[in-house]
């Protein structure tokens, strides 16, 4: 699965889910639970935010890998976020 994910990165197009943060919910990005359930989405985000790769993949389980490409980044200037 990992080899297939690596090879798929070359021609990866994907779907734009917009901006996400560490605490985004699956519903907030309108991602179907047929793709990822809530815990899988949280695991995916944790891995994306813990790496410095702009384009990579996250192995979710033995038969599911999610590829991603970060197109743009922005800083959330919400004061509530700074207090956390």
C-alpha atoms as a PDB file:
ATOM      1  CA  UNK A   1       0.000   0.000   0.000  1.00  0.00           C
ATOM      2  CA  UNK A   2       2.815   2.391   0.855  1.00  0.00           C
ATOM      3  CA  UNK A   3       4.536   1.775  -2.481  1.00  0.00           C
ATOM      4  CA  UNK A   4       1.259   2.346  -4.333  1.00  0.00           C
ATOM      5  CA  UNK A   5       0.721   5.614  -2.424  1.00  0.00           C
ATOM      6  CA  UNK A   6       4.259   6.817  -3.244  1.00  0.00           C
ATOM      7  CA  UNK A   7       3.816   6.003  -6.930  1.00  0.00           C
ATOM      8  CA  UNK A   8       0.415   7.717  -7.044  1.00  0.00           C
ATOM      9  CA  UNK A   9       1.881  11.031  -5.851  1.00  0.00           C
ATOM     10  CA  UNK A  10       3.442  11.617  -9.285  1.00  0.00           C
ATOM     11  CA  UNK A  11       0.088  12.160 -11.042  1.00  0.00           C
ATOM     12  CA  UNK A  12      -1.986  13.121  -7.998  1.00  0.00           C
ATOM     13  CA  UNK A  13      -4.738  15.694  -8.640  1.00  0.00           C
ATOM     14  CA  UNK A  14      -7.108  15.274  -5.665  1.00  0.00           C
ATOM     15  CA  UNK A  15     -10.072  17.324  -4.505  1.00  0.00           C
ATOM     16  CA  UNK A  16      -9.749  20.790  -2.991  1.00  0.00           C
ATOM     17  CA  UNK A  17     -11.146  20.693   0.555  1.00  0.00           C
ATOM     18  CA  UNK A  18     -10.147  24.271   1.334  1.00  0.00           C
ATOM     19  CA  UNK A  19      -8.297  25.403   4.429  1.00  0.00           C
ATOM     20  CA  UNK A  20      -8.110  23.142   7.465  1.00  0.00           C
ATOM     21  CA  UNK A  21      -6.612  23.523  10.917  1.00  0.00           C
ATOM     22  CA  UNK A  22      -5.489  20.950  13.473  1.00  0.00           C
ATOM     23  CA  UNK A  23      -8.929  21.037  15.040  1.00  0.00           C
ATOM     24  CA  UNK A  24     -11.038  20.977  11.859  1.00  0.00           C
ATOM     25  CA  UNK A  25     -13.863  18.477  11.805  1.00  0.00           C
ATOM     26  CA  UNK A  26     -14.651  16.180   8.912  1.00  0.00           C
ATOM     27  CA  UNK A  27     -18.062  17.823   8.495  1.00  0.00           C
ATOM     28  CA  UNK A  28     -16.544  21.319   8.321  1.00  0.00           C
ATOM     29  CA  UNK A  29     -14.667  20.383   5.145  1.00  0.00           C
ATOM     30  CA  UNK A  30     -17.659  18.480   3.750  1.00  0.00           C
ATOM     31  CA  UNK A  31     -15.727  15.214   3.495  1.00  0.00           C
ATOM     32  CA  UNK A  32     -17.913  12.129   3.148  1.00  0.00           C
ATOM     33  CA  UNK A  33     -17.699   9.506   5.878  1.00  0.00           C
ATOM     34  CA  UNK A  34     -17.346   7.002   3.030  1.00  0.00           C
ATOM     35  CA  UNK A  35     -13.836   8.414   2.511  1.00  0.00           C
ATOM     36  CA  UNK A  36     -12.803   8.931   6.145  1.00  0.00           C
ATOM     37  CA  UNK A  37     -14.690   8.614   9.413  1.00  0.00           C
ATOM     38  CA  UNK A  38     -14.176  11.183  12.179  1.00  0.00           C
ATOM     39  CA  UNK A  39     -11.302   9.382  13.912  1.00  0.00           C
ATOM     40  CA  UNK A  40      -9.535   8.669  10.607  1.00  0.00           C
ATOM     41  CA  UNK A  41      -9.849  12.337   9.635  1.00  0.00           C
ATOM     42  CA  UNK A  42      -8.400  13.434  12.996  1.00  0.00           C
ATOM     43  CA  UNK A  43      -5.518  10.968  12.528  1.00  0.00           C
ATOM     44  CA  UNK A  44      -4.951  12.263   8.988  1.00  0.00           C
ATOM     45  CA  UNK A  45      -4.809  15.909  10.140  1.00  0.00           C
ATOM     46  CA  UNK A  46      -2.455  15.052  12.995  1.00  0.00           C
ATOM     47  CA  UNK A  47      -0.046  13.460  10.515  1.00  0.00           C
ATOM     48  CA  UNK A  48      -0.304  16.303   7.993  1.00  0.00           C
ATOM     49  CA  UNK A  49       0.417  18.945  10.647  1.00  0.00           C
ATOM     50  CA  UNK A  50       3.308  16.939  12.115  1.00  0.00           C
ATOM     51  CA  UNK A  51       5.307  16.814   8.882  1.00  0.00           C
ATOM     52  CA  UNK A  52       7.079  19.371   6.747  1.00  0.00           C
ATOM     53  CA  UNK A  53       6.029  17.715   3.472  1.00  0.00           C
ATOM     54  CA  UNK A  54       3.798  19.767   1.149  1.00  0.00           C
ATOM     55  CA  UNK A  55       2.801  16.680  -0.800  1.00  0.00           C
ATOM     56  CA  UNK A  56       2.694  13.207   0.679  1.00  0.00           C
ATOM     57  CA  UNK A  57       0.349  10.536   1.992  1.00  0.00           C
ATOM     58  CA  UNK A  58      -0.930   9.150   5.278  1.00  0.00           C
ATOM     59  CA  UNK A  59      -1.465   5.427   5.764  1.00  0.00           C
ATOM     60  CA  UNK A  60      -4.790   5.167   7.615  1.00  0.00           C
ATOM     61  CA  UNK A  61      -5.018   1.378   7.915  1.00  0.00           C
ATOM     62  CA  UNK A  62      -3.999  -1.797   6.075  1.00  0.00           C
ATOM     63  CA  UNK A  63      -6.074  -0.942   3.003  1.00  0.00           C
ATOM     64  CA  UNK A  64      -6.458   2.849   3.034  1.00  0.00           C
ATOM     65  CA  UNK A  65      -3.975   5.617   2.289  1.00  0.00           C
ATOM     66  CA  UNK A  66      -4.863   9.276   1.776  1.00  0.00           C
ATOM     67  CA  UNK A  67      -2.727  11.427  -0.513  1.00  0.00           C
ATOM     68  CA  UNK A  68      -2.551  15.174  -0.008  1.00  0.00           C
ATOM     69  CA  UNK A  69      -1.001  18.289  -1.487  1.00  0.00           C
ATOM     70  CA  UNK A  70      -0.854  21.598   0.372  1.00  0.00           C
ATOM     71  CA  UNK A  71      -1.523  24.393  -2.122  1.00  0.00           C
ATOM     72  CA  UNK A  72      -1.602  27.383   0.200  1.00  0.00           C
ATOM     73  CA  UNK A  73      -1.164  28.158   3.892  1.00  0.00           C
ATOM     74  CA  UNK A  74      -2.547  30.916   6.060  1.00  0.00           C
ATOM     75  CA  UNK A  75      -2.394  31.845   9.723  1.00  0.00           C
ATOM     76  CA  UNK A  76      -5.692  31.937  11.593  1.00  0.00           C
ATOM     77  CA  UNK A  77      -5.617  35.265  13.429  1.00  0.00           C
ATOM     78  CA  UNK A  78      -8.588  34.355  15.647  1.00  0.00           C
ATOM     79  CA  UNK A  79      -7.741  35.579  19.174  1.00  0.00           C
ATOM     80  CA  UNK A  80      -9.353  32.483  20.724  1.00  0.00           C
ATOM     81  CA  UNK A  81      -6.761  30.334  18.960  1.00  0.00           C
ATOM     82  CA  UNK A  82      -3.885  32.354  20.410  1.00  0.00           C
ATOM     83  CA  UNK A  83      -5.194  31.890  23.961  1.00  0.00           C
ATOM     84  CA  UNK A  84      -5.124  28.109  23.583  1.00  0.00           C
END
